[in-house]
Amino acid sequence: DLFINDYLIYYQFVNPIKGIAYIDDFMEDFFVRKCMWSNA
């Protein structure tokens, strides 16, 4: 839900089918910066 609704809709505006191409950006940038609970 975090990936497809918070990130893909409001940061990339793409549907989840096309969103697979954005997983790297989500994990390496968005998740680290925006999710306070991010750790290994």
PDB file of all heavy atoms in Angstrom:
ATOM      1  N   ASP A   1       0.829  -1.204   0.000  1.00  0.00           N
ATOM      2  CA  ASP A   1       0.000   0.000   0.000  1.00  0.00           C
ATOM      3  C   ASP A   1       0.868   1.261   0.000  1.00  0.00           C
ATOM      4  O   ASP A   1       0.603   2.205  -0.744  1.00  0.00           O
ATOM      5  CB  ASP A   1      -0.932  -0.011   1.209  1.00  0.00           C
ATOM      6  CG  ASP A   1      -1.825   1.214   1.257  1.00  0.00           C
ATOM      7  OD1 ASP A   1      -2.704   1.333   0.388  1.00  0.00           O
ATOM      8  OD2 ASP A   1      -1.629   2.046   2.158  1.00  0.00           O
ATOM      9  N   LEU A   2       1.904   1.274   0.799  1.00  0.00           N
ATOM     10  CA  LEU A   2       2.821   2.416   0.839  1.00  0.00           C
ATOM     11  C   LEU A   2       3.419   2.655  -0.540  1.00  0.00           C
ATOM     12  O   LEU A   2       3.461   3.787  -1.023  1.00  0.00           O
ATOM     13  CB  LEU A   2       3.939   2.153   1.860  1.00  0.00           C
ATOM     14  CG  LEU A   2       5.047   3.200   1.933  1.00  0.00           C
ATOM     15  CD1 LEU A   2       4.519   4.494   2.542  1.00  0.00           C
ATOM     16  CD2 LEU A   2       6.220   2.668   2.753  1.00  0.00           C
ATOM     17  N   PHE A   3       3.851   1.604  -1.188  1.00  0.00           N
ATOM     18  CA  PHE A   3       4.468   1.733  -2.494  1.00  0.00           C
ATOM     19  C   PHE A   3       3.468   2.189  -3.555  1.00  0.00           C
ATOM     20  O   PHE A   3       3.718   3.164  -4.262  1.00  0.00           O
ATOM     21  CB  PHE A   3       5.122   0.415  -2.912  1.00  0.00           C
ATOM     22  CG  PHE A   3       5.742   0.447  -4.276  1.00  0.00           C
ATOM     23  CD1 PHE A   3       6.834   1.264  -4.543  1.00  0.00           C
ATOM     24  CD2 PHE A   3       5.246  -0.341  -5.300  1.00  0.00           C
ATOM     25  CE1 PHE A   3       7.422   1.297  -5.807  1.00  0.00           C
ATOM     26  CE2 PHE A   3       5.818  -0.324  -6.557  1.00  0.00           C
ATOM     27  CZ  PHE A   3       6.903   0.495  -6.822  1.00  0.00           C
ATOM     28  N   ILE A   4       2.341   1.502  -3.668  1.00  0.00           N
ATOM     29  CA  ILE A   4       1.441   1.819  -4.789  1.00  0.00           C
ATOM     30  C   ILE A   4       0.576   3.053  -4.552  1.00  0.00           C
ATOM     31  O   ILE A   4       0.226   3.740  -5.512  1.00  0.00           O
ATOM     32  CB  ILE A   4       0.573   0.615  -5.223  1.00  0.00           C
ATOM     33  CG1 ILE A   4      -0.457   0.240  -4.178  1.00  0.00           C
ATOM     34  CG2 ILE A   4       1.443  -0.564  -5.592  1.00  0.00           C
ATOM     35  CD1 ILE A   4      -1.459  -0.818  -4.642  1.00  0.00           C
ATOM     36  N   ASN A   5       0.224   3.338  -3.305  1.00  0.00           N
ATOM     37  CA  ASN A   5      -0.643   4.494  -3.063  1.00  0.00           C
ATOM     38  C   ASN A   5       0.113   5.756  -2.668  1.00  0.00           C
ATOM     39  O   ASN A   5      -0.199   6.832  -3.160  1.00  0.00           O
ATOM     40  CB  ASN A   5      -1.703   4.161  -2.014  1.00  0.00           C
ATOM     41  CG  ASN A   5      -2.795   3.294  -2.580  1.00  0.00           C
ATOM     42  OD1 ASN A   5      -3.244   3.489  -3.699  1.00  0.00           O
ATOM     43  ND2 ASN A   5      -3.199   2.297  -1.824  1.00  0.00           N
ATOM     44  N   ASP A   6       1.072   5.647  -1.798  1.00  0.00           N
ATOM     45  CA  ASP A   6       1.798   6.848  -1.386  1.00  0.00           C
ATOM     46  C   ASP A   6       2.873   7.244  -2.389  1.00  0.00           C
ATOM     47  O   ASP A   6       3.025   8.409  -2.709  1.00  0.00           O
ATOM     48  CB  ASP A   6       2.424   6.669   0.001  1.00  0.00           C
ATOM     49  CG  ASP A   6       1.383   6.565   1.086  1.00  0.00           C
ATOM     50  OD1 ASP A   6       0.286   7.117   0.915  1.00  0.00           O
ATOM     51  OD2 ASP A   6       1.655   5.907   2.106  1.00  0.00           O
ATOM     52  N   TYR A   7       3.630   6.276  -2.853  1.00  0.00           N
ATOM     53  CA  TYR A   7       4.738   6.606  -3.742  1.00  0.00           C
ATOM     54  C   TYR A   7       4.317   6.691  -5.209  1.00  0.00           C
ATOM     55  O   TYR A   7       4.514   7.717  -5.854  1.00  0.00           O
ATOM     56  CB  TYR A   7       5.881   5.606  -3.574  1.00  0.00           C
ATOM     57  CG  TYR A   7       7.021   5.874  -4.509  1.00  0.00           C
ATOM     58  CD1 TYR A   7       7.848   6.971  -4.324  1.00  0.00           C
ATOM     59  CD2 TYR A   7       7.273   5.044  -5.596  1.00  0.00           C
ATOM     60  CE1 TYR A   7       8.889   7.237  -5.193  1.00  0.00           C
ATOM     61  CE2 TYR A   7       8.311   5.294  -6.454  1.00  0.00           C
ATOM     62  CZ  TYR A   7       9.112   6.391  -6.258  1.00  0.00           C
ATOM     63  OH  TYR A   7      10.130   6.655  -7.122  1.00  0.00           O
ATOM     64  N   LEU A   8       3.765   5.621  -5.747  1.00  0.00           N
ATOM     65  CA  LEU A   8       3.459   5.613  -7.180  1.00  0.00           C
ATOM     66  C   LEU A   8       2.423   6.653  -7.575  1.00  0.00           C
ATOM     67  O   LEU A   8       2.566   7.295  -8.625  1.00  0.00           O
ATOM     68  CB  LEU A   8       3.000   4.226  -7.630  1.00  0.00           C
ATOM     69  CG  LEU A   8       4.062   3.134  -7.658  1.00  0.00           C
ATOM     70  CD1 LEU A   8       3.454   1.834  -8.169  1.00  0.00           C
ATOM     71  CD2 LEU A   8       5.266   3.528  -8.487  1.00  0.00           C
ATOM     72  N   ILE A   9       1.402   6.844  -6.763  1.00  0.00           N
ATOM     73  CA  ILE A   9       0.380   7.822  -7.136  1.00  0.00           C
ATOM     74  C   ILE A   9       0.896   9.251  -6.977  1.00  0.00           C
ATOM     75  O   ILE A   9       0.815  10.057  -7.897  1.00  0.00           O
ATOM     76  CB  ILE A   9      -0.910   7.638  -6.314  1.00  0.00           C
ATOM     77  CG1 ILE A   9      -1.635   6.367  -6.739  1.00  0.00           C
ATOM     78  CG2 ILE A   9      -1.849   8.842  -6.499  1.00  0.00           C
ATOM     79  CD1 ILE A   9      -2.900   6.081  -5.963  1.00  0.00           C
ATOM     80  N   TYR A  10       1.427   9.561  -5.821  1.00  0.00           N
ATOM     81  CA  TYR A  10       1.715  10.967  -5.521  1.00  0.00           C
ATOM     82  C   TYR A  10       3.120  11.432  -5.904  1.00  0.00           C
ATOM     83  O   TYR A  10       3.377  12.632  -5.937  1.00  0.00           O
ATOM     84  CB  TYR A  10       1.429  11.254  -4.043  1.00  0.00           C
ATOM     85  CG  TYR A  10      -0.051  11.169  -3.781  1.00  0.00           C
ATOM     86  CD1 TYR A  10      -0.609  10.055  -3.174  1.00  0.00           C
ATOM     87  CD2 TYR A  10      -0.911  12.173  -4.216  1.00  0.00           C
ATOM     88  CE1 TYR A  10      -1.976   9.960  -2.977  1.00  0.00           C
ATOM     89  CE2 TYR A  10      -2.275  12.081  -4.029  1.00  0.00           C
ATOM     90  CZ  TYR A  10      -2.799  10.977  -3.409  1.00  0.00           C
ATOM     91  OH  TYR A  10      -4.154  10.870  -3.228  1.00  0.00           O
ATOM     92  N   TYR A  11       4.012  10.498  -6.217  1.00  0.00           N
ATOM     93  CA  TYR A  11       5.355  10.910  -6.632  1.00  0.00           C
ATOM     94  C   TYR A  11       5.633  10.612  -8.099  1.00  0.00           C
ATOM     95  O   TYR A  11       6.411  11.302  -8.735  1.00  0.00           O
ATOM     96  CB  TYR A  11       6.424  10.255  -5.744  1.00  0.00           C
ATOM     97  CG  TYR A  11       6.523  10.925  -4.410  1.00  0.00           C
ATOM     98  CD1 TYR A  11       5.643  10.587  -3.385  1.00  0.00           C
ATOM     99  CD2 TYR A  11       7.452  11.918  -4.165  1.00  0.00           C
ATOM    100  CE1 TYR A  11       5.695  11.213  -2.154  1.00  0.00           C
ATOM    101  CE2 TYR A  11       7.520  12.557  -2.934  1.00  0.00           C
ATOM    102  CZ  TYR A  11       6.638  12.189  -1.940  1.00  0.00           C
ATOM    103  OH  TYR A  11       6.688  12.832  -0.729  1.00  0.00           O
ATOM    104  N   GLN A  12       5.028   9.571  -8.639  1.00  0.00           N
ATOM    105  CA  GLN A  12       5.289   9.200 -10.032  1.00  0.00           C
ATOM    106  C   GLN A  12       4.040   9.265 -10.909  1.00  0.00           C
ATOM    107  O   GLN A  12       4.150   9.335 -12.113  1.00  0.00           O
ATOM    108  CB  GLN A  12       5.882   7.788 -10.102  1.00  0.00           C
ATOM    109  CG  GLN A  12       7.168   7.607  -9.331  1.00  0.00           C
ATOM    110  CD  GLN A  12       8.289   8.494  -9.810  1.00  0.00           C
ATOM    111  OE1 GLN A  12       8.306   8.967 -10.941  1.00  0.00           O
ATOM    112  NE2 GLN A  12       9.244   8.749  -8.934  1.00  0.00           N
ATOM    113  N   PHE A  13       2.889   9.193 -10.322  1.00  0.00           N
ATOM    114  CA  PHE A  13       1.600   9.105 -10.989  1.00  0.00           C
ATOM    115  C   PHE A  13       1.608   8.051 -12.106  1.00  0.00           C
ATOM    116  O   PHE A  13       1.414   8.339 -13.287  1.00  0.00           O
ATOM    117  CB  PHE A  13       1.104  10.444 -11.533  1.00  0.00           C
ATOM    118  CG  PHE A  13      -0.365  10.374 -11.854  1.00  0.00           C
ATOM    119  CD1 PHE A  13      -1.300  10.392 -10.847  1.00  0.00           C
ATOM    120  CD2 PHE A  13      -0.800  10.222 -13.161  1.00  0.00           C
ATOM    121  CE1 PHE A  13      -2.656  10.279 -11.133  1.00  0.00           C
ATOM    122  CE2 PHE A  13      -2.149  10.107 -13.450  1.00  0.00           C
ATOM    123  CZ  PHE A  13      -3.063  10.144 -12.439  1.00  0.00           C
ATOM    124  N   VAL A  14       1.869   6.831 -11.674  1.00  0.00           N
ATOM    125  CA  VAL A  14       1.788   5.683 -12.571  1.00  0.00           C
ATOM    126  C   VAL A  14       1.040   4.563 -11.863  1.00  0.00           C
ATOM    127  O   VAL A  14       0.986   4.521 -10.636  1.00  0.00           O
ATOM    128  CB  VAL A  14       3.174   5.164 -13.025  1.00  0.00           C
ATOM    129  CG1 VAL A  14       3.912   6.197 -13.835  1.00  0.00           C
ATOM    130  CG2 VAL A  14       3.999   4.694 -11.865  1.00  0.00           C
ATOM    131  N   ASN A  15       0.479   3.666 -12.640  1.00  0.00           N
ATOM    132  CA  ASN A  15      -0.204   2.524 -12.038  1.00  0.00           C
ATOM    133  C   ASN A  15       0.830   1.476 -11.634  1.00  0.00           C
ATOM    134  O   ASN A  15       1.988   1.532 -12.069  1.00  0.00           O
ATOM    135  CB  ASN A  15      -1.270   1.966 -12.979  1.00  0.00           C
ATOM    136  CG  ASN A  15      -0.690   1.324 -14.220  1.00  0.00           C
ATOM    137  OD1 ASN A  15       0.420   0.820 -14.230  1.00  0.00           O
ATOM    138  ND2 ASN A  15      -1.461   1.340 -15.294  1.00  0.00           N
ATOM    139  N   PRO A  16       0.457   0.535 -10.794  1.00  0.00           N
ATOM    140  CA  PRO A  16       1.415  -0.460 -10.304  1.00  0.00           C
ATOM    141  C   PRO A  16       2.050  -1.312 -11.403  1.00  0.00           C
ATOM    142  O   PRO A  16       3.178  -1.767 -11.234  1.00  0.00           O
ATOM    143  CB  PRO A  16       0.587  -1.329  -9.358  1.00  0.00           C
ATOM    144  CG  PRO A  16      -0.491  -0.425  -8.885  1.00  0.00           C
ATOM    145  CD  PRO A  16      -0.822   0.442 -10.075  1.00  0.00           C
ATOM    146  N   ILE A  17       1.366  -1.517 -12.505  1.00  0.00           N
ATOM    147  CA  ILE A  17       1.947  -2.314 -13.589  1.00  0.00           C
ATOM    148  C   ILE A  17       3.199  -1.612 -14.114  1.00  0.00           C
ATOM    149  O   ILE A  17       4.252  -2.231 -14.264  1.00  0.00           O
ATOM    150  CB  ILE A  17       0.928  -2.536 -14.730  1.00  0.00           C
ATOM    151  CG1 ILE A  17      -0.372  -3.179 -14.207  1.00  0.00           C
ATOM    152  CG2 ILE A  17       1.548  -3.344 -15.856  1.00  0.00           C
ATOM    153  CD1 ILE A  17      -0.208  -4.489 -13.486  1.00  0.00           C
ATOM    154  N   LYS A  18       3.100  -0.330 -14.378  1.00  0.00           N
ATOM    155  CA  LYS A  18       4.266   0.431 -14.828  1.00  0.00           C
ATOM    156  C   LYS A  18       5.199   0.752 -13.662  1.00  0.00           C
ATOM    157  O   LYS A  18       6.373   1.042 -13.862  1.00  0.00           O
ATOM    158  CB  LYS A  18       3.819   1.730 -15.500  1.00  0.00           C
ATOM    159  CG  LYS A  18       3.067   1.509 -16.792  1.00  0.00           C
ATOM    160  CD  LYS A  18       2.618   2.814 -17.394  1.00  0.00           C
ATOM    161  CE  LYS A  18       1.813   2.554 -18.657  1.00  0.00           C
ATOM    162  NZ  LYS A  18       1.242   3.783 -19.199  1.00  0.00           N
ATOM    163  N   GLY A  19       4.675   0.683 -12.455  1.00  0.00           N
ATOM    164  CA  GLY A  19       5.425   1.055 -11.265  1.00  0.00           C
ATOM    165  C   GLY A  19       6.577   0.146 -10.923  1.00  0.00           C
ATOM    166  O   GLY A  19       7.469   0.538 -10.161  1.00  0.00           O
ATOM    167  N   ILE A  20       6.611  -1.033 -11.496  1.00  0.00           N
ATOM    168  CA  ILE A  20       7.721  -1.947 -11.208  1.00  0.00           C
ATOM    169  C   ILE A  20       9.060  -1.299 -11.576  1.00  0.00           C
ATOM    170  O   ILE A  20      10.078  -1.559 -10.948  1.00  0.00           O
ATOM    171  CB  ILE A  20       7.518  -3.310 -11.909  1.00  0.00           C
ATOM    172  CG1 ILE A  20       8.436  -4.363 -11.295  1.00  0.00           C
ATOM    173  CG2 ILE A  20       7.683  -3.193 -13.411  1.00  0.00           C
ATOM    174  CD1 ILE A  20       8.105  -5.773 -11.705  1.00  0.00           C
ATOM    175  N   ALA A  21       9.047  -0.418 -12.543  1.00  0.00           N
ATOM    176  CA  ALA A  21      10.271   0.259 -12.976  1.00  0.00           C
ATOM    177  C   ALA A  21      10.779   1.267 -11.944  1.00  0.00           C
ATOM    178  O   ALA A  21      11.905   1.739 -12.044  1.00  0.00           O
ATOM    179  CB  ALA A  21      10.031   0.963 -14.312  1.00  0.00           C
ATOM    180  N   TYR A  22       9.960   1.587 -10.949  1.00  0.00           N
ATOM    181  CA  TYR A  22      10.318   2.604  -9.962  1.00  0.00           C
ATOM    182  C   TYR A  22      10.709   2.027  -8.602  1.00  0.00           C
ATOM    183  O   TYR A  22      10.919   2.779  -7.655  1.00  0.00           O
ATOM    184  CB  TYR A  22       9.152   3.584  -9.781  1.00  0.00           C
ATOM    185  CG  TYR A  22       8.851   4.373 -11.027  1.00  0.00           C
ATOM    186  CD1 TYR A  22       7.909   3.922 -11.941  1.00  0.00           C
ATOM    187  CD2 TYR A  22       9.518   5.554 -11.292  1.00  0.00           C
ATOM    188  CE1 TYR A  22       7.635   4.639 -13.099  1.00  0.00           C
ATOM    189  CE2 TYR A  22       9.250   6.280 -12.439  1.00  0.00           C
ATOM    190  CZ  TYR A  22       8.310   5.809 -13.337  1.00  0.00           C
ATOM    191  OH  TYR A  22       8.050   6.528 -14.477  1.00  0.00           O
ATOM    192  N   ILE A  23      10.811   0.719  -8.504  1.00  0.00           N
ATOM    193  CA  ILE A  23      11.130   0.108  -7.210  1.00  0.00           C
ATOM    194  C   ILE A  23      12.491   0.576  -6.697  1.00  0.00           C
ATOM    195  O   ILE A  23      12.639   0.883  -5.513  1.00  0.00           O
ATOM    196  CB  ILE A  23      11.043  -1.429  -7.279  1.00  0.00           C
ATOM    197  CG1 ILE A  23       9.580  -1.850  -7.435  1.00  0.00           C
ATOM    198  CG2 ILE A  23      11.646  -2.065  -6.036  1.00  0.00           C
ATOM    199  CD1 ILE A  23       9.371  -3.336  -7.616  1.00  0.00           C
ATOM    200  N   ASP A  24      13.479   0.637  -7.572  1.00  0.00           N
ATOM    201  CA  ASP A  24      14.813   1.072  -7.131  1.00  0.00           C
ATOM    202  C   ASP A  24      14.769   2.469  -6.530  1.00  0.00           C
ATOM    203  O   ASP A  24      15.322   2.705  -5.455  1.00  0.00           O
ATOM    204  CB  ASP A  24      15.809   1.058  -8.291  1.00  0.00           C
ATOM    205  CG  ASP A  24      16.261  -0.339  -8.662  1.00  0.00           C
ATOM    206  OD1 ASP A  24      15.995  -1.274  -7.884  1.00  0.00           O
ATOM    207  OD2 ASP A  24      16.882  -0.491  -9.728  1.00  0.00           O
ATOM    208  N   ASP A  25      14.113   3.387  -7.215  1.00  0.00           N
ATOM    209  CA  ASP A  25      14.022   4.760  -6.702  1.00  0.00           C
ATOM    210  C   ASP A  25      13.275   4.802  -5.380  1.00  0.00           C
ATOM    211  O   ASP A  25      13.674   5.508  -4.450  1.00  0.00           O
ATOM    212  CB  ASP A  25      13.335   5.670  -7.728  1.00  0.00           C
ATOM    213  CG  ASP A  25      13.326   7.122  -7.288  1.00  0.00           C
ATOM    214  OD1 ASP A  25      14.414   7.655  -7.015  1.00  0.00           O
ATOM    215  OD2 ASP A  25      12.225   7.699  -7.213  1.00  0.00           O
ATOM    216  N   PHE A  26      12.210   4.018  -5.284  1.00  0.00           N
ATOM    217  CA  PHE A  26      11.444   3.956  -4.047  1.00  0.00           C
ATOM    218  C   PHE A  26      12.316   3.473  -2.898  1.00  0.00           C
ATOM    219  O   PHE A  26      12.363   4.095  -1.834  1.00  0.00           O
ATOM    220  CB  PHE A  26      10.239   3.015  -4.227  1.00  0.00           C
ATOM    221  CG  PHE A  26       9.513   2.700  -2.949  1.00  0.00           C
ATOM    222  CD1 PHE A  26       8.671   3.633  -2.376  1.00  0.00           C
ATOM    223  CD2 PHE A  26       9.669   1.468  -2.333  1.00  0.00           C
ATOM    224  CE1 PHE A  26       7.986   3.342  -1.191  1.00  0.00           C
ATOM    225  CE2 PHE A  26       8.995   1.170  -1.160  1.00  0.00           C
ATOM    226  CZ  PHE A  26       8.162   2.109  -0.589  1.00  0.00           C
ATOM    227  N   MET A  27      13.023   2.367  -3.099  1.00  0.00           N
ATOM    228  CA  MET A  27      13.821   1.778  -2.024  1.00  0.00           C
ATOM    229  C   MET A  27      15.047   2.623  -1.675  1.00  0.00           C
ATOM    230  O   MET A  27      15.377   2.780  -0.505  1.00  0.00           O
ATOM    231  CB  MET A  27      14.263   0.358  -2.403  1.00  0.00           C
ATOM    232  CG  MET A  27      13.135  -0.635  -2.560  1.00  0.00           C
ATOM    233  SD  MET A  27      12.176  -0.927  -1.065  1.00  0.00           S
ATOM    234  CE  MET A  27      13.369  -1.738  -0.033  1.00  0.00           C
ATOM    235  N   GLU A  28      15.707   3.167  -2.685  1.00  0.00           N
ATOM    236  CA  GLU A  28      16.963   3.883  -2.459  1.00  0.00           C
ATOM    237  C   GLU A  28      16.784   5.334  -2.032  1.00  0.00           C
ATOM    238  O   GLU A  28      17.675   5.901  -1.411  1.00  0.00           O
ATOM    239  CB  GLU A  28      17.823   3.832  -3.716  1.00  0.00           C
ATOM    240  CG  GLU A  28      18.299   2.435  -4.050  1.00  0.00           C
ATOM    241  CD  GLU A  28      19.009   2.343  -5.389  1.00  0.00           C
ATOM    242  OE1 GLU A  28      19.133   3.372  -6.084  1.00  0.00           O
ATOM    243  OE2 GLU A  28      19.426   1.234  -5.740  1.00  0.00           O
ATOM    244  N   ASP A  29      15.654   5.925  -2.381  1.00  0.00           N
ATOM    245  CA  ASP A  29      15.465   7.343  -2.079  1.00  0.00           C
ATOM    246  C   ASP A  29      14.255   7.582  -1.179  1.00  0.00           C
ATOM    247  O   ASP A  29      14.390   7.963  -0.029  1.00  0.00           O
ATOM    248  CB  ASP A  29      15.340   8.140  -3.383  1.00  0.00           C
ATOM    249  CG  ASP A  29      15.205   9.629  -3.141  1.00  0.00           C
ATOM    250  OD1 ASP A  29      15.980  10.168  -2.320  1.00  0.00           O
ATOM    251  OD2 ASP A  29      14.321  10.253  -3.743  1.00  0.00           O
ATOM    252  N   PHE A  30      13.069   7.337  -1.713  1.00  0.00           N
ATOM    253  CA  PHE A  30      11.840   7.659  -0.991  1.00  0.00           C
ATOM    254  C   PHE A  30      11.769   6.961   0.360  1.00  0.00           C
ATOM    255  O   PHE A  30      11.538   7.594   1.386  1.00  0.00           O
ATOM    256  CB  PHE A  30      10.614   7.275  -1.836  1.00  0.00           C
ATOM    257  CG  PHE A  30       9.303   7.522  -1.157  1.00  0.00           C
ATOM    258  CD1 PHE A  30       8.678   8.752  -1.259  1.00  0.00           C
ATOM    259  CD2 PHE A  30       8.690   6.528  -0.412  1.00  0.00           C
ATOM    260  CE1 PHE A  30       7.459   8.980  -0.628  1.00  0.00           C
ATOM    261  CE2 PHE A  30       7.479   6.748   0.221  1.00  0.00           C
ATOM    262  CZ  PHE A  30       6.864   7.981   0.113  1.00  0.00           C
ATOM    263  N   PHE A  31      11.958   5.658   0.373  1.00  0.00           N
ATOM    264  CA  PHE A  31      11.808   4.889   1.608  1.00  0.00           C
ATOM    265  C   PHE A  31      12.792   5.353   2.682  1.00  0.00           C
ATOM    266  O   PHE A  31      12.423   5.513   3.842  1.00  0.00           O
ATOM    267  CB  PHE A  31      11.979   3.390   1.321  1.00  0.00           C
ATOM    268  CG  PHE A  31      11.605   2.506   2.476  1.00  0.00           C
ATOM    269  CD1 PHE A  31      10.277   2.289   2.800  1.00  0.00           C
ATOM    270  CD2 PHE A  31      12.580   1.896   3.244  1.00  0.00           C
ATOM    271  CE1 PHE A  31       9.924   1.484   3.874  1.00  0.00           C
ATOM    272  CE2 PHE A  31      12.240   1.084   4.307  1.00  0.00           C
ATOM    273  CZ  PHE A  31      10.910   0.879   4.628  1.00  0.00           C
ATOM    274  N   VAL A  32      14.013   5.598   2.278  1.00  0.00           N
ATOM    275  CA  VAL A  32      15.047   6.027   3.225  1.00  0.00           C
ATOM    276  C   VAL A  32      14.755   7.427   3.764  1.00  0.00           C
ATOM    277  O   VAL A  32      14.903   7.696   4.952  1.00  0.00           O
ATOM    278  CB  VAL A  32      16.440   5.975   2.557  1.00  0.00           C
ATOM    279  CG1 VAL A  32      17.512   6.545   3.470  1.00  0.00           C
ATOM    280  CG2 VAL A  32      16.779   4.542   2.157  1.00  0.00           C
ATOM    281  N   ARG A  33      14.324   8.328   2.891  1.00  0.00           N
ATOM    282  CA  ARG A  33      14.091   9.713   3.305  1.00  0.00           C
ATOM    283  C   ARG A  33      12.764   9.937   4.018  1.00  0.00           C
ATOM    284  O   ARG A  33      12.677  10.710   4.967  1.00  0.00           O
ATOM    285  CB  ARG A  33      14.127  10.657   2.083  1.00  0.00           C
ATOM    286  CG  ARG A  33      15.483  10.953   1.550  1.00  0.00           C
ATOM    287  CD  ARG A  33      15.482  11.998   0.422  1.00  0.00           C
ATOM    288  NE  ARG A  33      14.501  11.740  -0.637  1.00  0.00           N
ATOM    289  CZ  ARG A  33      13.368  12.420  -0.813  1.00  0.00           C
ATOM    290  NH1 ARG A  33      13.032  13.394  -0.014  1.00  0.00           N
ATOM    291  NH2 ARG A  33      12.556  12.123  -1.817  1.00  0.00           N
ATOM    292  N   LYS A  34      11.718   9.272   3.564  1.00  0.00           N
ATOM    293  CA  LYS A  34      10.370   9.581   4.037  1.00  0.00           C
ATOM    294  C   LYS A  34       9.842   8.665   5.140  1.00  0.00           C
ATOM    295  O   LYS A  34       8.902   9.023   5.829  1.00  0.00           O
ATOM    296  CB  LYS A  34       9.379   9.548   2.868  1.00  0.00           C
ATOM    297  CG  LYS A  34       9.672  10.514   1.758  1.00  0.00           C
ATOM    298  CD  LYS A  34       9.367  11.919   2.165  1.00  0.00           C
ATOM    299  CE  LYS A  34       9.512  12.856   0.980  1.00  0.00           C
ATOM    300  NZ  LYS A  34       9.153  14.215   1.325  1.00  0.00           N
ATOM    301  N   CYS A  35      10.411   7.492   5.279  1.00  0.00           N
ATOM    302  CA  CYS A  35       9.902   6.529   6.256  1.00  0.00           C
ATOM    303  C   CYS A  35      10.841   6.481   7.454  1.00  0.00           C
ATOM    304  O   CYS A  35      11.938   5.930   7.372  1.00  0.00           O
ATOM    305  CB  CYS A  35       9.763   5.149   5.617  1.00  0.00           C
ATOM    306  SG  CYS A  35       8.638   5.152   4.196  1.00  0.00           S
ATOM    307  N   MET A  36      10.390   7.049   8.551  1.00  0.00           N
ATOM    308  CA  MET A  36      11.235   7.158   9.742  1.00  0.00           C
ATOM    309  C   MET A  36      11.658   5.798  10.282  1.00  0.00           C
ATOM    310  O   MET A  36      12.661   5.689  10.962  1.00  0.00           O
ATOM    311  CB  MET A  36      10.515   7.959  10.818  1.00  0.00           C
ATOM    312  CG  MET A  36      10.311   9.408  10.443  1.00  0.00           C
ATOM    313  SD  MET A  36       9.341  10.347  11.634  1.00  0.00           S
ATOM    314  CE  MET A  36      10.186  10.034  13.143  1.00  0.00           C
ATOM    315  N   TRP A  37      10.903   4.769  10.002  1.00  0.00           N
ATOM    316  CA  TRP A  37      11.196   3.439  10.510  1.00  0.00           C
ATOM    317  C   TRP A  37      12.165   2.671   9.604  1.00  0.00           C
ATOM    318  O   TRP A  37      12.474   1.518   9.858  1.00  0.00           O
ATOM    319  CB  TRP A  37       9.911   2.636  10.680  1.00  0.00           C
ATOM    320  CG  TRP A  37       9.202   2.382   9.385  1.00  0.00           C
ATOM    321  CD1 TRP A  37       9.375   1.311   8.553  1.00  0.00           C
ATOM    322  CD2 TRP A  37       8.222   3.201   8.754  1.00  0.00           C
ATOM    323  NE1 TRP A  37       8.572   1.412   7.447  1.00  0.00           N
ATOM    324  CE2 TRP A  37       7.846   2.575   7.549  1.00  0.00           C
ATOM    325  CE3 TRP A  37       7.619   4.412   9.079  1.00  0.00           C
ATOM    326  CZ2 TRP A  37       6.914   3.116   6.677  1.00  0.00           C
ATOM    327  CZ3 TRP A  37       6.690   4.951   8.220  1.00  0.00           C
ATOM    328  CH2 TRP A  37       6.337   4.300   7.038  1.00  0.00           C
ATOM    329  N   SER A  38      12.682   3.325   8.562  1.00  0.00           N
ATOM    330  CA  SER A  38      13.549   2.588   7.637  1.00  0.00           C
ATOM    331  C   SER A  38      14.865   2.199   8.302  1.00  0.00           C
ATOM    332  O   SER A  38      15.512   2.996   8.968  1.00  0.00           O
ATOM    333  CB  SER A  38      13.801   3.402   6.367  1.00  0.00           C
ATOM    334  OG  SER A  38      14.592   4.532   6.645  1.00  0.00           O
ATOM    335  N   ASN A  39      15.195   0.933   8.157  1.00  0.00           N
ATOM    336  CA  ASN A  39      16.461   0.371   8.611  1.00  0.00           C
ATOM    337  C   ASN A  39      16.702  -0.874   7.759  1.00  0.00           C
ATOM    338  O   ASN A  39      15.917  -1.182   6.862  1.00  0.00           O
ATOM    339  CB  ASN A  39      16.437   0.054  10.114  1.00  0.00           C
ATOM    340  CG  ASN A  39      15.363  -0.920  10.511  1.00  0.00           C
ATOM    341  OD1 ASN A  39      15.061  -1.864   9.792  1.00  0.00           O
ATOM    342  ND2 ASN A  39      14.750  -0.710  11.669  1.00  0.00           N
ATOM    343  N   ALA A  40      17.771  -1.586   8.018  1.00  0.00           N
ATOM    344  CA  ALA A  40      18.106  -2.745   7.192  1.00  0.00           C
ATOM    345  C   ALA A  40      16.981  -3.784   7.193  1.00  0.00           C
ATOM    346  O   ALA A  40      16.634  -4.334   6.146  1.00  0.00           O
ATOM    347  CB  ALA A  40      19.409  -3.370   7.667  1.00  0.00           C
TER     348      ALA A  40
END
